[in-house]
Amino acid sequence: GSFKGQGFLYGQPSDALSVREMLAGQNLLCVPNPPVDPEAPALPTP
């Protein structure tokens, strides 16, 4: 049937920097909104 899959066939687990470089090469990075401090007052998004 149809599955999602994961395993060493698709590569060894990588750290955050290696994943980021790989995604950048595939145009799979985006510009996110900044993190929100739940205790801070609401401010315009920088």
All heavy atoms as atom14 arrays in JSON, in Angstrom:
{
  "sequence": "GSFKGQGFLYGQPSDALSVREMLAGQNLLCVPNPPVDPEAPALPTP",
  "atom14_mask": [
    [1, 1, 1, 1, 0, 0, 0, 0, 0, 0, 0, 0, 0, 0],
    [1, 1, 1, 1, 1, 1, 0, 0, 0, 0, 0, 0, 0, 0],
    [1, 1, 1, 1, 1, 1, 1, 1, 1, 1, 1, 0, 0, 0],
    [1, 1, 1, 1, 1, 1, 1, 1, 1, 0, 0, 0, 0, 0],
    [1, 1, 1, 1, 0, 0, 0, 0, 0, 0, 0, 0, 0, 0],
    [1, 1, 1, 1, 1, 1, 1, 1, 1, 0, 0, 0, 0, 0],
    [1, 1, 1, 1, 0, 0, 0, 0, 0, 0, 0, 0, 0, 0],
    [1, 1, 1, 1, 1, 1, 1, 1, 1, 1, 1, 0, 0, 0],
    [1, 1, 1, 1, 1, 1, 1, 1, 0, 0, 0, 0, 0, 0],
    [1, 1, 1, 1, 1, 1, 1, 1, 1, 1, 1, 1, 0, 0],
    [1, 1, 1, 1, 0, 0, 0, 0, 0, 0, 0, 0, 0, 0],
    [1, 1, 1, 1, 1, 1, 1, 1, 1, 0, 0, 0, 0, 0],
    [1, 1, 1, 1, 1, 1, 1, 0, 0, 0, 0, 0, 0, 0],
    [1, 1, 1, 1, 1, 1, 0, 0, 0, 0, 0, 0, 0, 0],
    [1, 1, 1, 1, 1, 1, 1, 1, 0, 0, 0, 0, 0, 0],
    [1, 1, 1, 1, 1, 0, 0, 0, 0, 0, 0, 0, 0, 0],
    [1, 1, 1, 1, 1, 1, 1, 1, 0, 0, 0, 0, 0, 0],
    [1, 1, 1, 1, 1, 1, 0, 0, 0, 0, 0, 0, 0, 0],
    [1, 1, 1, 1, 1, 1, 1, 0, 0, 0, 0, 0, 0, 0],
    [1, 1, 1, 1, 1, 1, 1, 1, 1, 1, 1, 0, 0, 0],
    [1, 1, 1, 1, 1, 1, 1, 1, 1, 0, 0, 0, 0, 0],
    [1, 1, 1, 1, 1, 1, 1, 1, 0, 0, 0, 0, 0, 0],
    [1, 1, 1, 1, 1, 1, 1, 1, 0, 0, 0, 0, 0, 0],
    [1, 1, 1, 1, 1, 0, 0, 0, 0, 0, 0, 0, 0, 0],
    [1, 1, 1, 1, 0, 0, 0, 0, 0, 0, 0, 0, 0, 0],
    [1, 1, 1, 1, 1, 1, 1, 1, 1, 0, 0, 0, 0, 0],
    [1, 1, 1, 1, 1, 1, 1, 1, 0, 0, 0, 0, 0, 0],
    [1, 1, 1, 1, 1, 1, 1, 1, 0, 0, 0, 0, 0, 0],
    [1, 1, 1, 1, 1, 1, 1, 1, 0, 0, 0, 0, 0, 0],
    [1, 1, 1, 1, 1, 1, 0, 0, 0, 0, 0, 0, 0, 0],
    [1, 1, 1, 1, 1, 1, 1, 0, 0, 0, 0, 0, 0, 0],
    [1, 1, 1, 1, 1, 1, 1, 0, 0, 0, 0, 0, 0, 0],
    [1, 1, 1, 1, 1, 1, 1, 1, 0, 0, 0, 0, 0, 0],
    [1, 1, 1, 1, 1, 1, 1, 0, 0, 0, 0, 0, 0, 0],
    [1, 1, 1, 1, 1, 1, 1, 0, 0, 0, 0, 0, 0, 0],
    [1, 1, 1, 1, 1, 1, 1, 0, 0, 0, 0, 0, 0, 0],
    [1, 1, 1, 1, 1, 1, 1, 1, 0, 0, 0, 0, 0, 0],
    [1, 1, 1, 1, 1, 1, 1, 0, 0, 0, 0, 0, 0, 0],
    [1, 1, 1, 1, 1, 1, 1, 1, 1, 0, 0, 0, 0, 0],
    [1, 1, 1, 1, 1, 0, 0, 0, 0, 0, 0, 0, 0, 0],
    [1, 1, 1, 1, 1, 1, 1, 0, 0, 0, 0, 0, 0, 0],
    [1, 1, 1, 1, 1, 0, 0, 0, 0, 0, 0, 0, 0, 0],
    [1, 1, 1, 1, 1, 1, 1, 1, 0, 0, 0, 0, 0, 0],
    [1, 1, 1, 1, 1, 1, 1, 0, 0, 0, 0, 0, 0, 0],
    [1, 1, 1, 1, 1, 1, 1, 0, 0, 0, 0, 0, 0, 0],
    [1, 1, 1, 1, 1, 1, 1, 0, 0, 0, 0, 0, 0, 0]
  ],
  "atom14_positions": [
    [[0.81, -1.21, 0.0], [0.0, 0.0, 0.0], [0.84, 1.25, 0.0], [2.05, 1.24, -0.27], [0.0, 0.0, 0.0], [0.0, 0.0, 0.0], [0.0, 0.0, 0.0], [0.0, 0.0, 0.0], [0.0, 0.0, 0.0], [0.0, 0.0, 0.0], [0.0, 0.0, 0.0], [0.0, 0.0, 0.0], [0.0, 0.0, 0.0], [0.0, 0.0, 0.0]],
    [[0.19, 2.37, 0.32], [0.84, 3.68, 0.33], [1.24, 4.02, 1.76], [0.42, 3.95, 2.69], [-0.11, 4.75, -0.21], [-0.45, 4.47, -1.56], [0.0, 0.0, 0.0], [0.0, 0.0, 0.0], [0.0, 0.0, 0.0], [0.0, 0.0, 0.0], [0.0, 0.0, 0.0], [0.0, 0.0, 0.0], [0.0, 0.0, 0.0], [0.0, 0.0, 0.0]],
    [[2.49, 4.41, 1.91], [3.02, 4.72, 3.24], [3.87, 5.98, 3.19], [4.36, 6.38, 2.13], [3.93, 3.58, 3.75], [3.27, 2.24, 3.84], [3.34, 1.35, 2.78], [2.59, 1.86, 4.98], [2.76, 0.1, 2.86], [2.0, 0.62, 5.07], [2.08, -0.26, 4.01], [0.0, 0.0, 0.0], [0.0, 0.0, 0.0], [0.0, 0.0, 0.0]],
    [[4.05, 6.55, 4.35], [5.21, 7.39, 4.58], [6.32, 6.47, 5.07], [6.04, 5.41, 5.66], [4.93, 8.45, 5.65], [4.31, 9.73, 5.16], [4.29, 10.74, 6.29], [3.63, 12.04, 5.85], [3.65, 13.04, 6.96], [0.0, 0.0, 0.0], [0.0, 0.0, 0.0], [0.0, 0.0, 0.0], [0.0, 0.0, 0.0], [0.0, 0.0, 0.0]],
    [[7.55, 6.87, 4.86], [8.65, 6.03, 5.3], [9.82, 6.83, 5.81], [9.98, 8.01, 5.49], [0.0, 0.0, 0.0], [0.0, 0.0, 0.0], [0.0, 0.0, 0.0], [0.0, 0.0, 0.0], [0.0, 0.0, 0.0], [0.0, 0.0, 0.0], [0.0, 0.0, 0.0], [0.0, 0.0, 0.0], [0.0, 0.0, 0.0], [0.0, 0.0, 0.0]],
    [[10.64, 6.18, 6.61], [11.86, 6.79, 7.09], [12.86, 5.68, 7.38], [12.49, 4.55, 7.67], [11.61, 7.64, 8.35], [11.03, 6.88, 9.53], [10.66, 7.79, 10.69], [9.54, 8.31, 10.73], [11.59, 7.98, 11.61], [0.0, 0.0, 0.0], [0.0, 0.0, 0.0], [0.0, 0.0, 0.0], [0.0, 0.0, 0.0], [0.0, 0.0, 0.0]],
    [[14.13, 6.02, 7.28], [15.18, 5.03, 7.5], [16.48, 5.47, 6.87], [16.55, 6.51, 6.19], [0.0, 0.0, 0.0], [0.0, 0.0, 0.0], [0.0, 0.0, 0.0], [0.0, 0.0, 0.0], [0.0, 0.0, 0.0], [0.0, 0.0, 0.0], [0.0, 0.0, 0.0], [0.0, 0.0, 0.0], [0.0, 0.0, 0.0], [0.0, 0.0, 0.0]],
    [[17.5, 4.66, 7.05], [18.83, 5.02, 6.6], [18.95, 5.06, 5.08], [19.91, 5.6, 4.54], [19.86, 4.06, 7.17], [19.98, 4.13, 8.68], [20.53, 3.08, 9.39], [19.53, 5.23, 9.37], [20.64, 3.14, 10.78], [19.62, 5.31, 10.75], [20.18, 4.26, 11.45], [0.0, 0.0, 0.0], [0.0, 0.0, 0.0], [0.0, 0.0, 0.0]],
    [[17.98, 4.46, 4.38], [18.0, 4.54, 2.92], [17.95, 5.99, 2.46], [18.49, 6.35, 1.4], [16.81, 3.76, 2.35], [16.66, 3.78, 0.82], [17.86, 3.13, 0.15], [15.37, 3.09, 0.4], [0.0, 0.0, 0.0], [0.0, 0.0, 0.0], [0.0, 0.0, 0.0], [0.0, 0.0, 0.0], [0.0, 0.0, 0.0], [0.0, 0.0, 0.0]],
    [[17.32, 6.85, 3.24], [17.17, 8.26, 2.88], [18.2, 9.15, 3.58], [18.11, 10.38, 3.51], [15.76, 8.73, 3.23], [14.7, 7.9, 2.56], [13.97, 6.96, 3.29], [14.43, 8.04, 1.2], [13.0, 6.18, 2.66], [13.46, 7.26, 0.58], [12.76, 6.33, 1.32], [11.83, 5.56, 0.69], [0.0, 0.0, 0.0], [0.0, 0.0, 0.0]],
    [[19.16, 8.54, 4.23], [20.21, 9.31, 4.88], [20.21, 9.15, 6.38], [19.19, 8.81, 6.99], [0.0, 0.0, 0.0], [0.0, 0.0, 0.0], [0.0, 0.0, 0.0], [0.0, 0.0, 0.0], [0.0, 0.0, 0.0], [0.0, 0.0, 0.0], [0.0, 0.0, 0.0], [0.0, 0.0, 0.0], [0.0, 0.0, 0.0], [0.0, 0.0, 0.0]],
    [[21.38, 9.37, 6.97], [21.51, 9.31, 8.42], [20.88, 10.55, 9.06], [20.78, 11.61, 8.41], [23.0, 9.25, 8.8], [23.72, 8.0, 8.32], [23.34, 6.79, 9.14], [22.92, 6.9, 10.27], [23.5, 5.6, 8.55], [0.0, 0.0, 0.0], [0.0, 0.0, 0.0], [0.0, 0.0, 0.0], [0.0, 0.0, 0.0], [0.0, 0.0, 0.0]],
    [[20.43, 10.44, 10.31], [19.93, 11.64, 11.01], [21.01, 12.73, 11.04], [22.19, 12.44, 11.21], [19.62, 11.12, 12.42], [19.37, 9.66, 12.24], [20.29, 9.23, 11.15], [0.0, 0.0, 0.0], [0.0, 0.0, 0.0], [0.0, 0.0, 0.0], [0.0, 0.0, 0.0], [0.0, 0.0, 0.0], [0.0, 0.0, 0.0], [0.0, 0.0, 0.0]],
    [[20.58, 13.98, 10.86], [21.51, 15.11, 10.75], [21.19, 16.16, 11.79], [20.06, 16.25, 12.28], [21.43, 15.73, 9.35], [21.66, 14.74, 8.36], [0.0, 0.0, 0.0], [0.0, 0.0, 0.0], [0.0, 0.0, 0.0], [0.0, 0.0, 0.0], [0.0, 0.0, 0.0], [0.0, 0.0, 0.0], [0.0, 0.0, 0.0], [0.0, 0.0, 0.0]],
    [[22.18, 16.99, 12.09], [21.97, 18.07, 13.04], [21.23, 19.22, 12.36], [20.97, 19.21, 11.16], [23.29, 18.54, 13.64], [24.27, 19.06, 12.6], [23.84, 19.41, 11.48], [25.48, 19.12, 12.9], [0.0, 0.0, 0.0], [0.0, 0.0, 0.0], [0.0, 0.0, 0.0], [0.0, 0.0, 0.0], [0.0, 0.0, 0.0], [0.0, 0.0, 0.0]],
    [[20.89, 20.23, 13.16], [20.04, 21.32, 12.66], [20.7, 22.08, 11.52], [20.04, 22.45, 10.53], [19.7, 22.26, 13.81], [0.0, 0.0, 0.0], [0.0, 0.0, 0.0], [0.0, 0.0, 0.0], [0.0, 0.0, 0.0], [0.0, 0.0, 0.0], [0.0, 0.0, 0.0], [0.0, 0.0, 0.0], [0.0, 0.0, 0.0], [0.0, 0.0, 0.0]],
    [[22.0, 22.33, 11.61], [22.68, 23.1, 10.58], [22.7, 22.34, 9.25], [22.45, 22.94, 8.18], [24.12, 23.41, 11.03], [24.96, 24.23, 10.06], [24.3, 25.58, 9.77], [26.38, 24.43, 10.6], [0.0, 0.0, 0.0], [0.0, 0.0, 0.0], [0.0, 0.0, 0.0], [0.0, 0.0, 0.0], [0.0, 0.0, 0.0], [0.0, 0.0, 0.0]],
    [[22.97, 21.04, 9.29], [23.0, 20.25, 8.06], [21.62, 20.2, 7.41], [21.48, 20.3, 6.19], [23.48, 18.83, 8.37], [24.79, 18.83, 8.9], [0.0, 0.0, 0.0], [0.0, 0.0, 0.0], [0.0, 0.0, 0.0], [0.0, 0.0, 0.0], [0.0, 0.0, 0.0], [0.0, 0.0, 0.0], [0.0, 0.0, 0.0], [0.0, 0.0, 0.0]],
    [[20.58, 20.07, 8.23], [19.21, 20.06, 7.71], [18.88, 21.4, 7.08], [18.27, 21.47, 5.99], [18.21, 19.72, 8.82], [16.77, 19.96, 8.36], [18.37, 18.26, 9.25], [0.0, 0.0, 0.0], [0.0, 0.0, 0.0], [0.0, 0.0, 0.0], [0.0, 0.0, 0.0], [0.0, 0.0, 0.0], [0.0, 0.0, 0.0], [0.0, 0.0, 0.0]],
    [[19.3, 22.45, 7.72], [19.01, 23.79, 7.19], [19.68, 24.0, 5.84], [19.08, 24.55, 4.9], [19.47, 24.84, 8.19], [19.09, 26.28, 7.8], [19.52, 27.26, 8.87], [19.13, 28.61, 8.49], [17.94, 29.15, 8.77], [17.05, 28.44, 9.42], [17.67, 30.38, 8.4], [0.0, 0.0, 0.0], [0.0, 0.0, 0.0], [0.0, 0.0, 0.0]],
    [[20.93, 23.55, 5.71], [21.64, 23.69, 4.44], [20.96, 22.87, 3.35], [20.85, 23.32, 2.19], [23.09, 23.26, 4.62], [23.91, 24.21, 5.51], [25.3, 23.68, 5.78], [25.58, 22.51, 5.45], [26.12, 24.43, 6.35], [0.0, 0.0, 0.0], [0.0, 0.0, 0.0], [0.0, 0.0, 0.0], [0.0, 0.0, 0.0], [0.0, 0.0, 0.0]],
    [[20.53, 21.66, 3.71], [19.85, 20.81, 2.74], [18.55, 21.43, 2.28], [18.23, 21.45, 1.07], [19.6, 19.43, 3.34], [18.97, 18.42, 2.4], [17.15, 18.42, 2.5], [16.92, 17.81, 4.17], [0.0, 0.0, 0.0], [0.0, 0.0, 0.0], [0.0, 0.0, 0.0], [0.0, 0.0, 0.0], [0.0, 0.0, 0.0], [0.0, 0.0, 0.0]],
    [[17.77, 21.97, 3.21], [16.49, 22.59, 2.85], [16.69, 23.85, 2.04], [15.9, 24.15, 1.13], [15.7, 22.89, 4.13], [15.2, 21.69, 4.93], [14.48, 22.14, 6.19], [14.28, 20.81, 4.08], [0.0, 0.0, 0.0], [0.0, 0.0, 0.0], [0.0, 0.0, 0.0], [0.0, 0.0, 0.0], [0.0, 0.0, 0.0], [0.0, 0.0, 0.0]],
    [[17.74, 24.6, 2.35], [18.02, 25.81, 1.58], [18.32, 25.46, 0.12], [17.9, 26.18, -0.81], [19.19, 26.56, 2.2], [0.0, 0.0, 0.0], [0.0, 0.0, 0.0], [0.0, 0.0, 0.0], [0.0, 0.0, 0.0], [0.0, 0.0, 0.0], [0.0, 0.0, 0.0], [0.0, 0.0, 0.0], [0.0, 0.0, 0.0], [0.0, 0.0, 0.0]],
    [[19.03, 24.35, -0.09], [19.33, 23.93, -1.46], [18.1, 23.49, -2.21], [18.1, 23.47, -3.45], [0.0, 0.0, 0.0], [0.0, 0.0, 0.0], [0.0, 0.0, 0.0], [0.0, 0.0, 0.0], [0.0, 0.0, 0.0], [0.0, 0.0, 0.0], [0.0, 0.0, 0.0], [0.0, 0.0, 0.0], [0.0, 0.0, 0.0], [0.0, 0.0, 0.0]],
    [[17.02, 23.12, -1.5], [15.77, 22.68, -2.15], [14.69, 23.75, -2.08], [13.53, 23.49, -2.37], [15.27, 21.39, -1.5], [16.25, 20.24, -1.59], [15.71, 18.97, -0.94], [14.51, 18.82, -0.71], [16.59, 18.03, -0.64], [0.0, 0.0, 0.0], [0.0, 0.0, 0.0], [0.0, 0.0, 0.0], [0.0, 0.0, 0.0], [0.0, 0.0, 0.0]],
    [[15.06, 24.96, -1.68], [14.11, 26.08, -1.54], [12.96, 25.72, -0.6], [11.79, 26.02, -0.87], [13.55, 26.48, -2.91], [14.61, 27.07, -3.82], [15.49, 27.82, -3.36], [14.55, 26.73, -5.1], [0.0, 0.0, 0.0], [0.0, 0.0, 0.0], [0.0, 0.0, 0.0], [0.0, 0.0, 0.0], [0.0, 0.0, 0.0], [0.0, 0.0, 0.0]],
    [[13.31, 25.04, 0.51], [12.3, 24.66, 1.48], [12.49, 25.38, 2.81], [12.1, 24.89, 3.86], [12.34, 23.14, 1.71], [11.85, 22.28, 0.54], [12.04, 20.8, 0.84], [10.39, 22.58, 0.23], [0.0, 0.0, 0.0], [0.0, 0.0, 0.0], [0.0, 0.0, 0.0], [0.0, 0.0, 0.0], [0.0, 0.0, 0.0], [0.0, 0.0, 0.0]],
    [[13.09, 26.55, 2.77], [13.18, 27.41, 3.94], [12.28, 28.6, 3.74], [12.05, 29.06, 2.61], [14.62, 27.89, 4.17], [15.61, 26.88, 4.73], [16.97, 27.54, 4.89], [15.13, 26.33, 6.07], [0.0, 0.0, 0.0], [0.0, 0.0, 0.0], [0.0, 0.0, 0.0], [0.0, 0.0, 0.0], [0.0, 0.0, 0.0], [0.0, 0.0, 0.0]],
    [[11.76, 29.13, 4.82], [10.88, 30.29, 4.73], [11.29, 31.28, 5.79], [12.08, 30.99, 6.69], [9.42, 29.9, 4.9], [9.04, 29.24, 6.53], [0.0, 0.0, 0.0], [0.0, 0.0, 0.0], [0.0, 0.0, 0.0], [0.0, 0.0, 0.0], [0.0, 0.0, 0.0], [0.0, 0.0, 0.0], [0.0, 0.0, 0.0], [0.0, 0.0, 0.0]],
    [[10.74, 32.5, 5.7], [11.0, 33.54, 6.7], [9.86, 33.5, 7.7], [8.73, 33.87, 7.39], [11.08, 34.92, 6.04], [11.34, 35.98, 7.11], [12.18, 34.95, 4.99], [0.0, 0.0, 0.0], [0.0, 0.0, 0.0], [0.0, 0.0, 0.0], [0.0, 0.0, 0.0], [0.0, 0.0, 0.0], [0.0, 0.0, 0.0], [0.0, 0.0, 0.0]],
    [[10.12, 33.02, 8.92], [9.04, 32.87, 9.9], [8.79, 34.15, 10.67], [9.56, 35.1, 10.6], [9.62, 31.81, 10.85], [11.1, 32.13, 10.87], [11.43, 32.6, 9.47], [0.0, 0.0, 0.0], [0.0, 0.0, 0.0], [0.0, 0.0, 0.0], [0.0, 0.0, 0.0], [0.0, 0.0, 0.0], [0.0, 0.0, 0.0], [0.0, 0.0, 0.0]],
    [[7.68, 34.16, 11.36], [7.44, 35.21, 12.34], [8.35, 34.97, 13.54], [8.7, 33.84, 13.84], [5.98, 35.2, 12.79], [5.06, 35.61, 11.67], [5.4, 36.45, 10.84], [3.88, 34.98, 11.63], [0.0, 0.0, 0.0], [0.0, 0.0, 0.0], [0.0, 0.0, 0.0], [0.0, 0.0, 0.0], [0.0, 0.0, 0.0], [0.0, 0.0, 0.0]],
    [[8.74, 36.02, 14.24], [9.61, 35.83, 15.39], [8.88, 35.13, 16.51], [7.65, 35.13, 16.56], [9.99, 37.27, 15.78], [8.82, 38.08, 15.32], [8.35, 37.42, 14.05], [0.0, 0.0, 0.0], [0.0, 0.0, 0.0], [0.0, 0.0, 0.0], [0.0, 0.0, 0.0], [0.0, 0.0, 0.0], [0.0, 0.0, 0.0], [0.0, 0.0, 0.0]],
    [[9.64, 34.51, 17.43], [9.0, 33.85, 18.57], [8.29, 34.84, 19.46], [8.64, 36.01, 19.52], [10.19, 33.2, 19.3], [11.38, 33.99, 18.87], [11.11, 34.42, 17.48], [0.0, 0.0, 0.0], [0.0, 0.0, 0.0], [0.0, 0.0, 0.0], [0.0, 0.0, 0.0], [0.0, 0.0, 0.0], [0.0, 0.0, 0.0], [0.0, 0.0, 0.0]],
    [[7.25, 34.37, 20.12], [6.42, 35.21, 20.96], [6.65, 34.85, 22.43], [6.63, 33.67, 22.79], [4.92, 35.04, 20.61], [4.06, 35.84, 21.56], [4.7, 35.49, 19.18], [0.0, 0.0, 0.0], [0.0, 0.0, 0.0], [0.0, 0.0, 0.0], [0.0, 0.0, 0.0], [0.0, 0.0, 0.0], [0.0, 0.0, 0.0], [0.0, 0.0, 0.0]],
    [[6.88, 35.86, 23.26], [6.94, 35.66, 24.7], [5.53, 35.77, 25.24], [4.93, 36.84, 25.17], [7.85, 36.72, 25.34], [8.01, 36.49, 26.85], [7.33, 35.6, 27.38], [8.82, 37.21, 27.47], [0.0, 0.0, 0.0], [0.0, 0.0, 0.0], [0.0, 0.0, 0.0], [0.0, 0.0, 0.0], [0.0, 0.0, 0.0], [0.0, 0.0, 0.0]],
    [[4.96, 34.67, 25.77], [3.55, 34.71, 26.21], [3.31, 35.68, 27.36], [2.19, 36.08, 27.59], [3.29, 33.26, 26.63], [4.63, 32.69, 26.94], [5.6, 33.37, 26.01], [0.0, 0.0, 0.0], [0.0, 0.0, 0.0], [0.0, 0.0, 0.0], [0.0, 0.0, 0.0], [0.0, 0.0, 0.0], [0.0, 0.0, 0.0], [0.0, 0.0, 0.0]],
    [[4.36, 36.07, 28.08], [4.19, 36.97, 29.21], [4.43, 38.43, 28.83], [4.24, 39.33, 29.65], [5.14, 36.56, 30.34], [4.88, 35.14, 30.85], [5.83, 34.77, 31.98], [6.71, 35.6, 32.31], [5.68, 33.66, 32.52], [0.0, 0.0, 0.0], [0.0, 0.0, 0.0], [0.0, 0.0, 0.0], [0.0, 0.0, 0.0], [0.0, 0.0, 0.0]],
    [[4.91, 38.66, 27.61], [5.21, 40.03, 27.2], [3.95, 40.68, 26.62], [3.07, 40.01, 26.09], [6.31, 40.03, 26.15], [0.0, 0.0, 0.0], [0.0, 0.0, 0.0], [0.0, 0.0, 0.0], [0.0, 0.0, 0.0], [0.0, 0.0, 0.0], [0.0, 0.0, 0.0], [0.0, 0.0, 0.0], [0.0, 0.0, 0.0], [0.0, 0.0, 0.0]],
    [[3.84, 42.02, 26.73], [2.68, 42.71, 26.13], [2.73, 42.62, 24.61], [3.79, 42.44, 24.01], [2.85, 44.15, 26.63], [4.32, 44.29, 26.91], [4.76, 42.94, 27.4], [0.0, 0.0, 0.0], [0.0, 0.0, 0.0], [0.0, 0.0, 0.0], [0.0, 0.0, 0.0], [0.0, 0.0, 0.0], [0.0, 0.0, 0.0], [0.0, 0.0, 0.0]],
    [[1.57, 42.73, 24.0], [1.48, 42.62, 22.55], [2.2, 43.79, 21.9], [2.03, 44.95, 22.28], [0.01, 42.61, 22.11], [0.0, 0.0, 0.0], [0.0, 0.0, 0.0], [0.0, 0.0, 0.0], [0.0, 0.0, 0.0], [0.0, 0.0, 0.0], [0.0, 0.0, 0.0], [0.0, 0.0, 0.0], [0.0, 0.0, 0.0], [0.0, 0.0, 0.0]],
    [[3.05, 43.5, 20.91], [3.81, 44.51, 20.19], [3.67, 44.27, 18.7], [3.4, 43.15, 18.26], [5.3, 44.45, 20.58], [5.66, 44.81, 22.03], [7.13, 44.55, 22.27], [5.32, 46.26, 22.32], [0.0, 0.0, 0.0], [0.0, 0.0, 0.0], [0.0, 0.0, 0.0], [0.0, 0.0, 0.0], [0.0, 0.0, 0.0], [0.0, 0.0, 0.0]],
    [[3.89, 45.29, 17.88], [3.88, 45.08, 16.43], [4.95, 44.07, 16.05], [6.03, 44.04, 16.64], [4.18, 46.48, 15.86], [3.82, 47.43, 16.95], [4.09, 46.71, 18.24], [0.0, 0.0, 0.0], [0.0, 0.0, 0.0], [0.0, 0.0, 0.0], [0.0, 0.0, 0.0], [0.0, 0.0, 0.0], [0.0, 0.0, 0.0], [0.0, 0.0, 0.0]],
    [[4.66, 43.24, 15.07], [5.61, 42.21, 14.65], [6.82, 42.87, 13.99], [6.68, 43.58, 13.0], [4.95, 41.25, 13.65], [3.81, 40.67, 14.27], [5.93, 40.15, 13.23], [0.0, 0.0, 0.0], [0.0, 0.0, 0.0], [0.0, 0.0, 0.0], [0.0, 0.0, 0.0], [0.0, 0.0, 0.0], [0.0, 0.0, 0.0], [0.0, 0.0, 0.0]],
    [[8.04, 42.64, 14.53], [9.23, 43.25, 13.93], [9.6, 42.53, 12.64], [9.21, 41.4, 12.39], [10.31, 43.04, 14.99], [9.86, 41.82, 15.73], [8.36, 41.87, 15.73], [0.0, 0.0, 0.0], [0.0, 0.0, 0.0], [0.0, 0.0, 0.0], [0.0, 0.0, 0.0], [0.0, 0.0, 0.0], [0.0, 0.0, 0.0], [0.0, 0.0, 0.0]]
  ]
}
